[in-house]
């Protein structure tokens, strides 16, 4: 599977739907979709992304999901793997870019406000934000370090 630069650019600005079980235990929040993610419909889809291999190595999921062609999204089996485990995936900002630094501070702040509302509705045990810089900017916590935060997000 591969895309030309022009094909990837055609996905700029697009979003993807959240992957969310009815009662999530753990929600991963990315900064925003990359162009590969928007093109495939699969979160964290870029071939060099270490997200899924890290989840497998940590025993969170049993295998790396299959990432297929344009717009295919996760297979039914891969969706079930996440949903049955109580794992959800969302984004701070649902707008595809090449790099996260293309997002404005206001977009990240608005994303944090939306995330607070969504987390209150989802009621997960844990929210893991994949991107400490986005967390710092969005939540106005410039000294936040990677890892568990003293503040909660809707009790998570």
Protein backbone atom coordinates (compact mmCIF):
# COMPACT_ATOMS: atom_id res chain seq x y z
CA UNK A 1 0.00 0.00 0.00
CA UNK A 2 1.30 3.40 -0.88
CA UNK A 3 0.14 6.85 -1.81
CA UNK A 4 1.58 9.54 -4.01
CA UNK A 5 2.22 12.93 -2.44
CA UNK A 6 -0.72 14.33 -4.47
CA UNK A 7 -3.02 11.57 -3.22
CA UNK A 8 -2.05 12.24 0.38
CA UNK A 9 -2.46 16.01 -0.06
CA UNK A 10 -6.03 15.42 -1.23
CA UNK A 11 -6.82 14.25 2.32
CA UNK A 12 -5.56 17.44 3.98
CA UNK A 13 -8.19 18.89 6.30
CA UNK A 14 -10.27 15.73 6.50
CA UNK A 15 -11.08 14.01 9.75
CA UNK A 16 -11.87 10.47 10.81
CA UNK A 17 -14.54 9.25 13.22
CA UNK A 18 -13.66 8.32 16.77
CA UNK A 19 -13.36 4.64 17.56
CA UNK A 20 -15.22 4.37 20.84
CA UNK A 21 -16.83 1.48 22.70
CA UNK A 22 -20.05 2.13 24.58
CA UNK A 23 -18.24 1.99 27.93
CA UNK A 24 -14.53 2.66 27.32
CA UNK A 25 -11.94 1.71 29.91
CA UNK A 26 -9.03 3.38 28.13
CA UNK A 27 -9.16 6.19 25.57
CA UNK A 28 -6.10 7.17 23.55
CA UNK A 29 -6.20 10.73 22.26
CA UNK A 30 -3.94 11.61 19.35
CA UNK A 31 -3.06 15.18 18.45
CA UNK A 32 -4.73 15.11 15.02
CA UNK A 33 -4.92 12.75 12.06
CA UNK A 34 -1.96 12.67 9.73
CA UNK A 35 -2.52 12.43 6.00
CA UNK A 36 -1.97 8.64 6.06
CA UNK A 37 -4.60 8.32 8.76
CA UNK A 38 -7.07 10.42 6.79
CA UNK A 39 -6.31 8.46 3.61
CA UNK A 40 -6.76 5.02 5.18
CA UNK A 41 -9.39 5.86 7.78
CA UNK A 42 -7.22 4.15 10.42
CA UNK A 43 -5.87 6.08 13.45
CA UNK A 44 -2.06 6.18 13.73
CA UNK A 45 -1.78 4.60 10.26
CA UNK A 46 1.57 5.90 9.00
CA UNK A 47 3.86 2.93 8.31
CA UNK A 48 6.59 4.32 10.58
CA UNK A 49 4.26 5.00 13.52
CA UNK A 50 5.21 2.95 16.59
CA UNK A 51 1.79 3.26 18.28
CA UNK A 52 0.41 -0.21 17.47
CA UNK A 53 3.71 -2.11 17.90
CA UNK A 54 4.05 -0.44 21.33
CA UNK A 55 0.52 -1.50 22.31
CA UNK A 56 1.30 -5.08 21.29
CA UNK A 57 4.64 -5.06 23.17
CA UNK A 58 2.83 -3.76 26.28
CA UNK A 59 0.16 -6.47 26.03
CA UNK A 60 -2.64 -3.95 25.46
CA UNK A 61 -3.70 -5.57 22.16
CA UNK A 62 -2.73 -9.01 20.83
CA UNK A 63 -1.63 -7.94 17.32
CA UNK A 64 -1.02 -4.96 15.07
CA UNK A 65 -4.16 -4.11 13.09
CA UNK A 66 -4.12 -4.54 9.34
CA UNK A 67 -3.99 -1.23 7.49
CA UNK A 68 -5.47 -1.53 4.03
CA UNK A 69 -6.02 0.82 1.12
CA UNK A 70 -7.61 4.23 0.80
CA UNK A 71 -10.60 4.82 3.02
CA UNK A 72 -11.00 1.20 4.06
CA UNK A 73 -10.71 1.94 7.79
CA UNK A 74 -10.19 -0.79 10.35
CA UNK A 75 -11.48 -4.23 9.46
CA UNK A 76 -14.43 -5.58 11.43
CA UNK A 77 -12.07 -7.91 13.31
CA UNK A 78 -9.68 -5.08 14.17
CA UNK A 79 -12.53 -2.82 15.32
CA UNK A 80 -13.79 -5.65 17.55
CA UNK A 81 -10.30 -6.14 18.97
CA UNK A 82 -10.34 -2.55 20.29
CA UNK A 83 -14.01 -2.27 21.20
CA UNK A 84 -14.15 -5.62 23.03
CA UNK A 85 -11.08 -4.60 25.04
CA UNK A 86 -12.77 -1.32 26.01
CA UNK A 87 -10.24 0.77 24.08
CA UNK A 88 -11.24 3.99 22.33
CA UNK A 89 -9.29 6.32 20.06
CA UNK A 90 -9.99 10.01 19.47
CA UNK A 91 -8.06 13.18 18.54
CA UNK A 92 -7.55 16.63 20.01
CA UNK A 93 -8.27 18.16 16.60
CA UNK A 94 -10.01 16.18 13.87
CA UNK A 95 -8.27 17.89 10.93
CA UNK A 96 -5.61 16.07 8.93
CA UNK A 97 -2.27 17.80 8.47
CA UNK A 98 1.26 16.75 7.58
CA UNK A 99 2.60 17.92 10.96
CA UNK A 100 0.97 18.73 14.28
CA UNK A 101 2.63 22.15 14.33
CA UNK A 102 0.21 23.17 11.57
CA UNK A 103 -2.50 23.38 14.23
CA UNK A 104 -3.17 26.67 15.98
CA UNK A 105 -3.12 27.16 19.74
CA UNK A 106 -6.83 27.94 19.58
CA UNK A 107 -7.55 24.65 17.77
CA UNK A 108 -5.73 22.77 20.55
CA UNK A 109 -7.56 24.73 23.26
CA UNK A 110 -10.90 24.05 21.59
CA UNK A 111 -9.90 20.39 21.30
CA UNK A 112 -9.18 20.27 25.04
CA UNK A 113 -12.60 21.77 25.81
CA UNK A 114 -14.29 19.23 23.52
CA UNK A 115 -12.26 16.43 25.09
CA UNK A 116 -13.45 17.43 28.57
CA UNK A 117 -17.06 17.23 27.38
CA UNK A 118 -16.49 13.94 25.55
CA UNK A 119 -14.65 12.35 28.50
CA UNK A 120 -17.54 13.27 30.80
CA UNK A 121 -19.88 11.44 28.42
CA UNK A 122 -17.59 8.44 27.84
CA UNK A 123 -16.59 8.03 31.52
CA UNK A 124 -13.37 6.05 30.85
CA UNK A 125 -11.06 4.95 33.63
CA UNK A 126 -8.02 6.30 31.82
CA UNK A 127 -7.45 8.95 29.15
CA UNK A 128 -4.00 8.70 27.57
CA UNK A 129 -3.06 11.73 25.52
CA UNK A 130 -0.51 10.79 22.88
CA UNK A 131 1.37 14.07 22.60
CA UNK A 132 2.53 15.98 25.66
CA UNK A 133 3.01 19.23 23.70
CA UNK A 134 -0.62 19.22 22.56
CA UNK A 135 -1.66 18.48 26.15
CA UNK A 136 0.42 21.38 27.48
CA UNK A 137 -1.00 23.82 24.95
CA UNK A 138 -4.58 22.59 24.93
CA UNK A 139 -4.99 22.42 28.69
CA UNK A 140 -2.78 25.40 29.50
CA UNK A 141 -0.29 23.34 31.52
CA UNK A 142 3.08 24.38 30.09
CA UNK A 143 5.12 22.44 32.66
CA UNK A 144 3.30 19.13 32.29
CA UNK A 145 5.67 16.18 31.92
CA UNK A 146 4.98 12.93 30.13
CA UNK A 147 3.21 10.38 32.30
CA UNK A 148 0.36 10.41 34.78
CA UNK A 149 -0.96 13.90 35.50
CA UNK A 150 -2.12 15.16 38.90
CA UNK A 151 -5.25 16.63 37.31
CA UNK A 152 -8.08 14.38 36.20
CA UNK A 153 -10.19 14.62 33.09
CA UNK A 154 -13.83 13.95 33.96
CA UNK A 155 -12.64 11.68 36.76
CA UNK A 156 -10.22 9.72 34.55
